[in-house]
Amino acid sequence: MGYANSDQEDDAPLAVKILIAGGFGVGKTTMVGAVSEVAPLRTEEYLTHASVGVDDLDGVGGKSTTTVALDFGRITIHDHLVLYLFGTPGQERFWFMWNDLVNGALGAVVLVDTRRLEVSFASIDFFESRGIPFVVGVNCFHGVRERTQEEIRRALDLDPQVPLVLCDARDRKEGRDVLLALIDHLMAAKAGTAPHPVP
């Protein structure tokens, strides 16, 4: 096995690690599966009676599985940029894994559900406390938008520079738009300029 020469290395796409985070049942596994160009790796297990009283199922009564380690997917943004997506587990008992998953990540998407905003507070705190850039993707389940962007920003106490994007985690294009908003945010942070508002 030989090493690539410098010309081949120059042609290789930049690989960027991104976390897809958020509370339990906000759509992280769904988003990774929707945007990934390869069959996503999933570590889902069925919810059992053993999780009763441990996992908070309020608002997600129809959920039958849960991520117990991570989800993994890949999406090529263009010839020179590939994103490797790591979906985090949402239940509090698995949060210890986030400290390992965040290693090497350049940024994150925090998915939120407007019906249960409180389940994503910890995710926002996690990235803010580590100085890791992130965007907020508001997963509008079935097209329902119960709150305005201003209301969501106030409820989450978001910094004005943090982009907030409405999306449907099941839709590949809308998921890609959230990831592009994050790339723009990362580039703006590197350049030291404010990101353009996301429509």
Protein backbone atom coordinates (compact mmCIF):
# COMPACT_ATOMS: atom_id res chain seq x y z
CA MET A 1 0.00 0.00 0.00
CA GLY A 2 1.52 3.30 -1.06
CA TYR A 3 0.99 6.83 0.16
CA ALA A 4 -0.88 9.37 -1.92
CA ASN A 5 1.31 12.00 -3.51
CA SER A 6 0.76 15.67 -2.74
CA ASP A 7 -1.35 16.19 -5.87
CA GLN A 8 -3.70 13.40 -4.80
CA GLU A 9 -3.85 14.81 -1.28
CA ASP A 10 -4.78 18.25 -2.67
CA ASP A 11 -7.65 16.62 -4.56
CA ALA A 12 -8.98 14.77 -1.51
CA PRO A 13 -12.13 16.31 -0.01
CA LEU A 14 -12.03 17.93 3.39
CA ALA A 15 -13.69 15.63 5.95
CA VAL A 16 -15.58 17.39 8.74
CA LYS A 17 -17.09 15.76 11.82
CA ILE A 18 -20.49 17.14 12.86
CA LEU A 19 -22.68 16.11 15.79
CA ILE A 20 -26.46 15.91 15.53
CA ALA A 21 -27.63 16.43 19.10
CA GLY A 22 -30.75 17.20 21.09
CA GLY A 23 -33.12 15.72 23.60
CA PHE A 24 -34.82 12.34 23.56
CA GLY A 25 -37.17 11.87 20.60
CA VAL A 26 -36.51 15.15 18.74
CA GLY A 27 -35.59 13.48 15.42
CA LYS A 28 -31.82 12.99 15.45
CA THR A 29 -31.86 9.45 14.05
CA THR A 30 -34.45 10.51 11.49
CA MET A 31 -32.33 13.44 10.28
CA VAL A 32 -29.14 11.39 9.96
CA GLY A 33 -31.05 8.75 7.99
CA ALA A 34 -32.73 11.33 5.75
CA VAL A 35 -29.57 13.16 4.68
CA SER A 36 -27.00 10.36 4.64
CA GLU A 37 -25.85 9.25 1.19
CA VAL A 38 -24.83 5.87 2.62
CA ALA A 39 -26.92 3.45 4.64
CA PRO A 40 -26.68 4.97 8.13
CA LEU A 41 -25.21 3.04 11.02
CA ARG A 42 -27.77 2.91 13.82
CA THR A 43 -27.55 1.57 17.36
CA GLU A 44 -31.24 1.52 18.17
CA GLU A 45 -32.87 -0.79 20.65
CA TYR A 46 -36.53 -1.30 21.47
CA LEU A 47 -37.88 0.51 24.49
CA THR A 48 -38.89 -2.01 27.14
CA HIS A 49 -40.58 -1.98 30.51
CA ALA A 50 -37.11 -1.60 32.03
CA SER A 51 -37.01 2.01 30.79
CA VAL A 52 -40.28 2.94 32.52
CA GLY A 53 -39.48 5.61 35.08
CA VAL A 54 -35.99 6.03 33.60
CA ASP A 55 -36.70 7.55 30.17
CA ASP A 56 -39.15 10.44 29.97
CA LEU A 57 -41.65 9.49 27.24
CA ASP A 58 -43.88 12.55 27.66
CA GLY A 59 -44.77 13.83 24.20
CA VAL A 60 -43.21 10.84 22.40
CA GLY A 61 -45.69 8.13 23.30
CA GLY A 62 -45.50 6.54 19.84
CA LYS A 63 -41.72 6.06 20.03
CA SER A 64 -40.74 2.38 20.19
CA THR A 65 -36.93 2.51 19.76
CA THR A 66 -34.08 4.58 21.12
CA THR A 67 -30.44 5.23 20.20
CA VAL A 68 -28.14 3.65 22.77
CA ALA A 69 -24.74 4.67 21.36
CA LEU A 70 -24.73 6.77 18.19
CA ASP A 71 -26.03 7.14 14.66
CA PHE A 72 -23.53 7.61 11.83
CA GLY A 73 -24.00 8.92 8.31
CA ARG A 74 -22.15 10.77 5.57
CA ILE A 75 -23.13 13.51 3.15
CA THR A 76 -21.04 15.11 0.40
CA ILE A 77 -21.73 18.84 0.28
CA HIS A 78 -19.57 19.30 -2.81
CA ASP A 79 -16.43 17.78 -4.35
CA HIS A 80 -14.20 19.30 -1.69
CA LEU A 81 -16.31 18.88 1.45
CA VAL A 82 -17.69 15.73 3.09
CA LEU A 83 -19.56 15.78 6.39
CA TYR A 84 -19.44 12.81 8.74
CA LEU A 85 -22.53 12.93 10.94
CA PHE A 86 -22.64 11.52 14.46
CA GLY A 87 -26.07 11.45 16.07
CA THR A 88 -25.91 11.48 19.85
CA PRO A 89 -28.13 9.48 22.21
CA GLY A 90 -30.80 11.66 23.77
CA GLN A 91 -31.53 10.02 27.12
CA GLU A 92 -29.81 11.46 30.16
CA ARG A 93 -28.36 8.08 31.16
CA PHE A 94 -26.28 8.05 27.94
CA TRP A 95 -25.01 11.65 28.09
CA PHE A 96 -21.60 10.48 29.36
CA MET A 97 -20.93 9.31 25.77
CA TRP A 98 -21.12 12.86 24.46
CA ASN A 99 -17.69 13.64 25.92
CA ASP A 100 -16.17 11.05 23.58
CA LEU A 101 -18.36 11.79 20.58
CA VAL A 102 -17.48 15.50 20.65
CA ASN A 103 -13.75 14.83 20.16
CA GLY A 104 -12.72 16.19 16.78
CA ALA A 105 -16.13 17.71 15.99
CA LEU A 106 -16.03 21.15 14.36
CA GLY A 107 -19.65 21.94 15.10
CA ALA A 108 -23.11 20.64 15.88
CA VAL A 109 -26.76 20.79 15.01
CA VAL A 110 -29.04 20.90 18.04
CA LEU A 111 -32.48 19.64 17.04
CA VAL A 112 -35.41 20.90 19.07
CA ASP A 113 -39.10 20.07 19.25
CA THR A 114 -41.22 23.14 20.02
CA ARG A 115 -43.66 20.95 21.95
CA ARG A 116 -40.84 19.96 24.35
CA LEU A 117 -38.17 22.67 24.20
CA GLU A 118 -36.94 21.82 27.69
CA VAL A 119 -35.45 18.49 26.54
CA SER A 120 -32.86 20.37 24.45
CA PHE A 121 -31.63 22.85 27.09
CA ALA A 122 -28.84 20.47 28.17
CA SER A 123 -27.62 20.08 24.58
CA ILE A 124 -27.30 23.83 24.11
CA ASP A 125 -25.51 24.17 27.46
CA PHE A 126 -23.11 21.37 26.48
CA PHE A 127 -21.89 23.09 23.30
CA GLU A 128 -21.90 26.60 24.77
CA SER A 129 -19.77 25.48 27.73
CA ARG A 130 -17.20 23.92 25.36
CA GLY A 131 -17.16 26.81 22.88
CA ILE A 132 -18.26 24.56 20.02
CA PRO A 133 -20.23 26.38 17.29
CA PHE A 134 -23.75 25.09 16.69
CA VAL A 135 -26.98 25.88 14.94
CA VAL A 136 -30.48 25.09 16.14
CA GLY A 137 -32.72 23.07 13.83
CA VAL A 138 -36.38 23.37 14.79
CA ASN A 139 -37.98 20.09 13.77
CA CYS A 140 -41.50 21.06 12.69
CA PHE A 141 -43.23 17.70 13.00
CA HIS A 142 -45.86 17.25 10.26
CA GLY A 143 -45.38 20.88 9.21
CA VAL A 144 -46.70 22.18 12.54
CA ARG A 145 -45.06 25.43 13.65
CA GLU A 146 -46.45 26.19 17.07
CA ARG A 147 -44.06 29.05 17.91
CA THR A 148 -42.36 31.88 16.06
CA GLN A 149 -38.59 32.00 15.70
CA GLU A 150 -38.47 34.91 18.15
CA GLU A 151 -40.41 32.90 20.75
CA ILE A 152 -38.10 29.92 20.29
CA ARG A 153 -35.00 32.10 20.63
CA ARG A 154 -36.29 33.62 23.86
CA ALA A 155 -37.31 30.25 25.29
CA LEU A 156 -33.88 28.75 24.52
CA ASP A 157 -32.02 31.94 25.54
CA LEU A 158 -30.02 31.76 22.30
CA ASP A 159 -27.18 34.10 21.50
CA PRO A 160 -28.22 36.34 18.57
CA GLN A 161 -25.35 34.94 16.48
CA VAL A 162 -26.62 31.34 16.70
CA PRO A 163 -28.52 30.49 13.50
CA LEU A 164 -31.99 29.00 13.93
CA VAL A 165 -33.47 27.05 11.00
CA LEU A 166 -36.98 25.62 10.69
CA CYS A 167 -36.97 22.17 9.11
CA ASP A 168 -38.60 18.78 8.78
CA ALA A 169 -36.02 16.18 9.89
CA ARG A 170 -37.58 13.63 7.51
CA ASP A 171 -36.85 15.77 4.45
CA ARG A 172 -33.42 15.36 2.85
CA LYS A 173 -33.32 18.86 1.34
CA GLU A 174 -34.38 20.57 4.55
CA GLY A 175 -31.88 18.56 6.58
CA ARG A 176 -29.17 19.53 4.09
CA ASP A 177 -30.18 23.19 4.47
CA VAL A 178 -29.62 22.93 8.24
CA LEU A 179 -26.16 21.46 7.64
CA LEU A 180 -25.34 24.22 5.13
CA ALA A 181 -26.40 26.79 7.73
CA LEU A 182 -23.90 25.20 10.12
CA ILE A 183 -21.12 25.30 7.50
CA ASP A 184 -21.85 28.99 6.88
CA HIS A 185 -21.77 29.58 10.64
CA LEU A 186 -18.42 27.77 10.99
CA MET A 187 -16.91 29.73 8.10
CA ALA A 188 -18.17 33.03 9.52
CA ALA A 189 -16.74 32.17 12.94
CA LYS A 190 -13.37 31.35 11.38
CA ALA A 191 -13.39 34.59 9.41
CA GLY A 192 -14.48 36.54 12.49
CA THR A 193 -17.59 37.88 10.82
CA ALA A 194 -21.26 37.60 11.74
CA PRO A 195 -23.12 34.91 9.79
CA HIS A 196 -25.78 35.90 7.32
CA PRO A 197 -29.29 35.42 8.70
CA VAL A 198 -30.90 32.18 7.58
CA PRO A 199 -34.33 32.74 5.98
